[in-house]
Protein backbone atom coordinates (compact mmCIF):
# COMPACT_ATOMS: atom_id res chain seq x y z
CA MET A 1 9.55 13.73 -12.56
CA ARG A 2 12.29 15.69 -11.31
CA ARG A 3 10.12 16.94 -8.94
CA LEU A 4 9.46 13.27 -7.34
CA ALA A 5 12.94 11.95 -7.76
CA ARG A 6 13.85 15.08 -5.52
CA LEU A 7 11.24 14.33 -2.53
CA MET A 8 12.22 10.81 -3.11
CA ALA A 9 15.74 11.94 -3.12
CA ILE A 10 14.93 14.37 0.58
CA ALA A 11 13.90 10.68 1.67
CA ALA A 12 16.20 8.55 1.08
CA ALA A 13 18.49 11.22 2.88
CA THR A 14 16.85 11.05 6.38
CA THR A 15 16.25 7.52 6.21
CA PHE A 16 19.04 7.42 8.82
CA LEU A 17 17.14 8.70 11.00
CA SER A 18 14.52 6.16 10.78
CA LEU A 19 17.32 3.47 11.09
CA SER A 20 18.83 4.90 14.43
CA ALA A 21 15.65 6.76 16.12
CA ALA A 22 13.23 4.36 15.51
CA ALA A 23 13.51 1.40 17.49
CA GLY A 24 9.50 0.83 17.14
CA ALA A 25 8.09 3.97 15.75
CA GLY A 26 7.82 5.40 12.48
CA ILE A 27 8.91 8.55 11.72
CA VAL A 28 6.81 11.46 10.74
CA THR A 29 9.03 15.24 9.50
CA PRO A 30 7.43 17.81 8.24
CA ARG A 31 8.03 16.34 4.35
CA HIS A 32 8.12 12.62 4.74
CA ILE A 33 6.74 9.49 6.27
CA ASP A 34 9.09 6.62 6.98
CA GLU A 35 7.16 3.03 8.67
CA MET A 36 9.64 -0.30 9.15
CA PHE A 37 7.61 -1.89 11.01
CA ARG A 38 10.63 -2.40 13.42
CA GLY A 39 8.39 -2.78 16.56
CA THR A 40 5.83 -5.54 17.47
CA SER A 41 2.85 -3.28 17.94
CA ILE A 42 1.40 -0.97 15.39
CA ASP A 43 2.38 2.60 15.95
CA TYR A 44 -0.55 4.91 16.34
CA THR A 45 1.32 8.16 17.69
CA ASN A 46 2.95 9.05 14.49
CA THR A 47 2.17 7.00 11.61
CA TRP A 48 -1.28 4.88 11.40
CA ALA A 49 -4.68 6.98 12.22
CA TRP A 50 -6.13 3.20 12.20
CA TRP A 51 -6.09 -0.34 11.28
CA GLY A 52 -9.38 -1.95 11.22
CA THR A 53 -11.33 -4.78 9.57
CA ASN A 54 -15.05 -5.74 8.63
CA GLN A 55 -14.83 -9.18 9.49
CA PRO A 56 -12.81 -9.01 12.92
CA SER A 57 -13.62 -12.95 12.79
CA TYR A 58 -12.25 -13.77 10.10
CA VAL A 59 -9.51 -11.68 9.34
CA GLY A 60 -6.66 -10.34 11.07
CA PHE A 61 -2.84 -7.98 11.16
CA ALA A 62 -0.47 -7.98 13.40
CA GLN A 63 2.84 -6.30 13.79
CA THR A 64 5.53 -8.31 14.27
CA ASP A 65 9.26 -6.80 14.54
CA GLY A 66 10.16 -5.89 10.85
CA ALA A 67 6.58 -6.49 9.07
CA LEU A 68 2.71 -5.80 9.35
CA THR A 69 1.02 -9.32 8.54
CA VAL A 70 -2.57 -9.30 7.77
CA SER A 71 -4.39 -13.08 7.80
CA VAL A 72 -6.97 -14.47 6.36
CA SER A 73 -8.93 -16.83 7.05
CA ALA A 74 -11.00 -19.97 4.60
CA ALA A 75 -13.90 -19.23 6.43
CA ALA A 76 -13.69 -15.05 5.66
CA GLN A 77 -16.84 -13.87 3.93
CA PRO A 78 -16.45 -12.07 0.25
CA ASP A 79 -16.24 -8.25 0.33
CA PHE A 80 -14.00 -8.52 3.06
CA ASN A 81 -11.14 -5.25 4.31
CA ILE A 82 -8.24 -4.66 6.14
CA SER A 83 -7.10 -1.75 5.70
CA GLY A 84 -4.98 0.73 7.21
CA ALA A 85 -4.37 4.79 7.21
CA THR A 86 -2.04 7.48 7.96
CA ARG A 87 -2.26 10.08 10.75
CA CYS A 88 -0.64 12.56 8.50
CA LEU A 89 -1.71 14.18 5.46
CA ALA A 90 0.39 14.78 2.21
CA HIS A 91 0.07 17.70 0.74
CA GLY A 92 1.06 18.79 -2.79
CA ASP A 93 3.15 16.51 -5.00
CA PHE A 94 4.10 13.20 -3.19
CA ASP A 95 5.88 9.83 -3.88
CA ALA A 96 4.60 6.91 -1.90
CA ARG A 97 5.78 3.46 -1.81
CA VAL A 98 5.72 -0.13 0.23
CA GLU A 99 7.02 -3.54 0.11
CA PHE A 100 4.52 -6.37 0.12
CA SER A 101 5.36 -10.51 0.90
CA LEU A 102 2.42 -12.78 -0.63
CA ASP A 103 3.39 -15.37 2.05
CA THR A 104 0.54 -17.12 1.67
CA TRP A 105 -1.14 -17.19 -1.59
CA PRO A 106 -3.39 -20.00 -2.95
CA ALA A 107 -3.51 -19.01 -6.97
CA GLN A 108 -6.25 -17.86 -8.20
CA ASN A 109 -7.48 -16.72 -4.31
CA GLY A 110 -9.19 -13.45 -5.44
CA VAL A 111 -7.55 -11.13 -3.21
CA PHE A 112 -6.32 -7.72 -3.56
CA VAL A 113 -3.25 -6.24 -2.56
CA SER A 114 -3.32 -2.50 -2.56
CA LEU A 115 -1.44 1.05 -1.90
CA MET A 116 -4.49 3.57 -1.99
CA ILE A 117 -5.66 6.87 -1.82
CA ASN A 118 -7.44 6.81 1.67
CA GLY A 119 -11.54 7.71 1.23
CA THR A 120 -11.01 6.91 -2.80
CA PRO A 121 -10.86 4.53 -5.19
CA PHE A 122 -7.60 5.58 -6.45
CA ASN A 123 -4.84 2.41 -6.02
CA VAL A 124 -2.78 0.35 -7.57
CA PHE A 125 -2.53 -3.61 -6.68
CA ARG A 126 -1.51 -6.85 -7.05
CA VAL A 127 -4.33 -9.36 -7.25
CA SER A 128 -4.99 -13.06 -8.14
CA TRP A 129 -7.83 -13.45 -11.04
CA GLN A 130 -9.62 -16.51 -11.52
CA PHE A 131 -8.89 -16.61 -15.40
CA PRO A 132 -6.10 -17.32 -17.12
CA ASP A 133 -2.77 -15.19 -16.46
CA HIS A 134 -4.01 -14.79 -12.83
CA GLU A 135 -2.08 -12.86 -11.06
CA GLN A 136 -1.58 -9.88 -11.88
CA TYR A 137 -0.94 -5.86 -11.59
CA GLY A 138 -3.42 -3.73 -11.78
CA ALA A 139 -4.80 0.18 -11.49
CA TYR A 140 -7.61 1.92 -10.65
CA LEU A 141 -7.75 5.90 -11.44
CA PRO A 142 -11.59 6.55 -12.44
CA PRO A 143 -12.42 5.65 -14.92
CA ALA A 144 -9.48 4.46 -16.20
CA ASN A 145 -8.19 1.14 -15.20
CA ALA A 146 -4.66 -1.02 -16.53
CA ASN A 147 -3.49 -4.14 -16.00
CA ALA A 148 -0.40 -6.32 -16.02
CA LEU A 149 0.94 -9.60 -15.48
CA ALA A 150 2.88 -10.42 -12.28
CA THR A 151 4.95 -13.01 -10.67
CA GLY A 152 6.46 -13.87 -7.52
CA THR A 153 5.56 -13.52 -3.89
CA THR A 154 7.39 -10.61 -3.15
CA GLY A 155 7.36 -6.73 -5.05
CA LYS A 156 6.63 -3.06 -4.31
CA LEU A 157 3.43 -1.27 -5.60
CA ARG A 158 4.16 2.97 -6.27
CA LEU A 159 1.89 6.16 -6.52
CA ALA A 160 2.95 9.11 -7.19
CA ARG A 161 1.08 12.69 -7.88
CA GLU A 162 2.53 15.24 -9.60
CA GLY A 163 -0.12 18.64 -9.78
CA ALA A 164 -3.10 16.81 -10.28
CA MET A 165 -1.80 13.84 -11.83
CA ILE A 166 -1.84 10.43 -10.61
CA THR A 167 1.01 7.77 -11.89
CA ALA A 168 0.73 4.36 -10.58
CA TYR A 169 3.64 1.96 -10.56
CA TYR A 170 5.17 -1.45 -9.84
CA LEU A 171 8.47 -2.55 -9.64
CA ALA A 172 10.05 -5.70 -12.00
CA ASP A 173 13.58 -6.05 -12.92
CA HIS A 174 14.42 -3.26 -10.37
CA HIS A 175 12.94 -0.74 -12.24
CA TRP A 176 9.64 1.19 -11.64
CA VAL A 177 7.26 0.40 -14.49
CA SER A 178 3.82 2.95 -15.27
CA LEU A 179 0.99 1.36 -15.54
CA LEU A 180 -1.44 4.37 -15.26
CA THR A 181 -1.54 8.13 -15.32
CA ALA A 182 -4.70 9.81 -14.68
CA ALA A 183 -5.99 12.96 -12.61
CA GLY A 184 -6.62 12.19 -9.19
CA PRO A 185 -7.48 14.85 -6.13
CA THR A 186 -5.56 17.17 -5.38
CA SER A 187 -6.52 18.21 -2.06
CA ASP A 188 -4.52 16.65 1.27
CA VAL A 189 -4.50 13.02 1.64
CA SER A 190 -4.10 10.19 3.73
CA LEU A 191 -2.44 7.03 2.17
CA THR A 192 -3.74 3.63 3.20
CA LEU A 193 -2.39 0.13 2.91
CA ALA A 194 -5.27 -2.93 2.46
CA VAL A 195 -6.49 -6.44 1.73
CA PHE A 196 -9.49 -7.09 0.32
CA ASN A 197 -11.82 -9.05 -2.14
CA ILE A 198 -14.21 -7.05 -4.17
CA SER A 199 -16.70 -10.03 -4.97
CA GLY A 200 -18.27 -8.16 -8.19
CA ALA A 201 -14.58 -8.03 -9.69
CA ALA A 202 -12.92 -11.65 -8.58
CA THR A 203 -14.87 -14.33 -5.95
CA PHE A 204 -13.04 -15.23 -2.91
CA ALA A 205 -11.78 -19.24 -3.32
CA GLY A 206 -12.44 -19.69 0.17
CA GLU A 207 -8.26 -20.45 0.85
CA PRO A 208 -6.49 -19.20 3.99
CA VAL A 209 -3.77 -16.22 2.64
CA ALA A 210 -0.99 -14.38 4.19
CA VAL A 211 0.65 -11.06 3.09
CA SER A 212 2.89 -8.99 4.87
CA PHE A 213 3.80 -5.16 4.54
CA ASP A 214 6.79 -4.37 4.70
CA ASN A 215 9.47 -0.36 4.31
CA PHE A 216 6.22 2.15 3.68
CA ARG A 217 7.65 5.10 2.58
CA VAL A 218 5.56 8.53 1.72
CA ALA A 219 7.97 11.71 0.62
CA ALA A 220 6.32 14.79 0.29
CA ASP A 221 5.69 18.74 -0.77
CA ALA A 222 4.75 19.01 2.82
CA ILE A 223 3.44 16.55 5.49
CA VAL A 224 0.32 17.65 7.35
CA CYS A 225 -0.45 16.55 10.85
CA PRO A 226 -3.47 17.15 12.94
């Protein structure tokens, strides 16, 4: 935990760089990624390798001045996915965090909002299930999973790695709550933000959904860029 605290202290100390220099672009340094979505277009130069969707006719994404917003239409088909992955990789220990806002969020909609290790199932999420106590936070660090009740339409997700152990968190009452810790990948990894449906786990309700991401940060022992 001391290493994670040190990593985030480094990120906090360099936040002023993004506030002054990132008029439109994210900031990537040898030890952190700082994306506040301040521009009006997605930063494919510094921060993101790609953003895309498997249903472009029904699911869209756009960056405004201060957030990246994903919009899902009522006509979207099950198993839609919209996601983006960082261009640079986190090496060694890392701590990744993102804020989200559930701008249009019908009850029991069947949609997941996720922070994940790109190319793997390791993720922490907010979801609206189809059963009582339907609003939940969750983590899937295979083969283990965990869930906790959720409230409100804003929140923060966090994934952290120390050595070979991955921990998933959500923010509640200004404190990070650990959902689950499990062994995970130790290689250099890209981080992904995603909004999706998994029809085998939750039925999409066929109602419009809109989710905004903001203040995405990664602090790591090293950030490795292509």
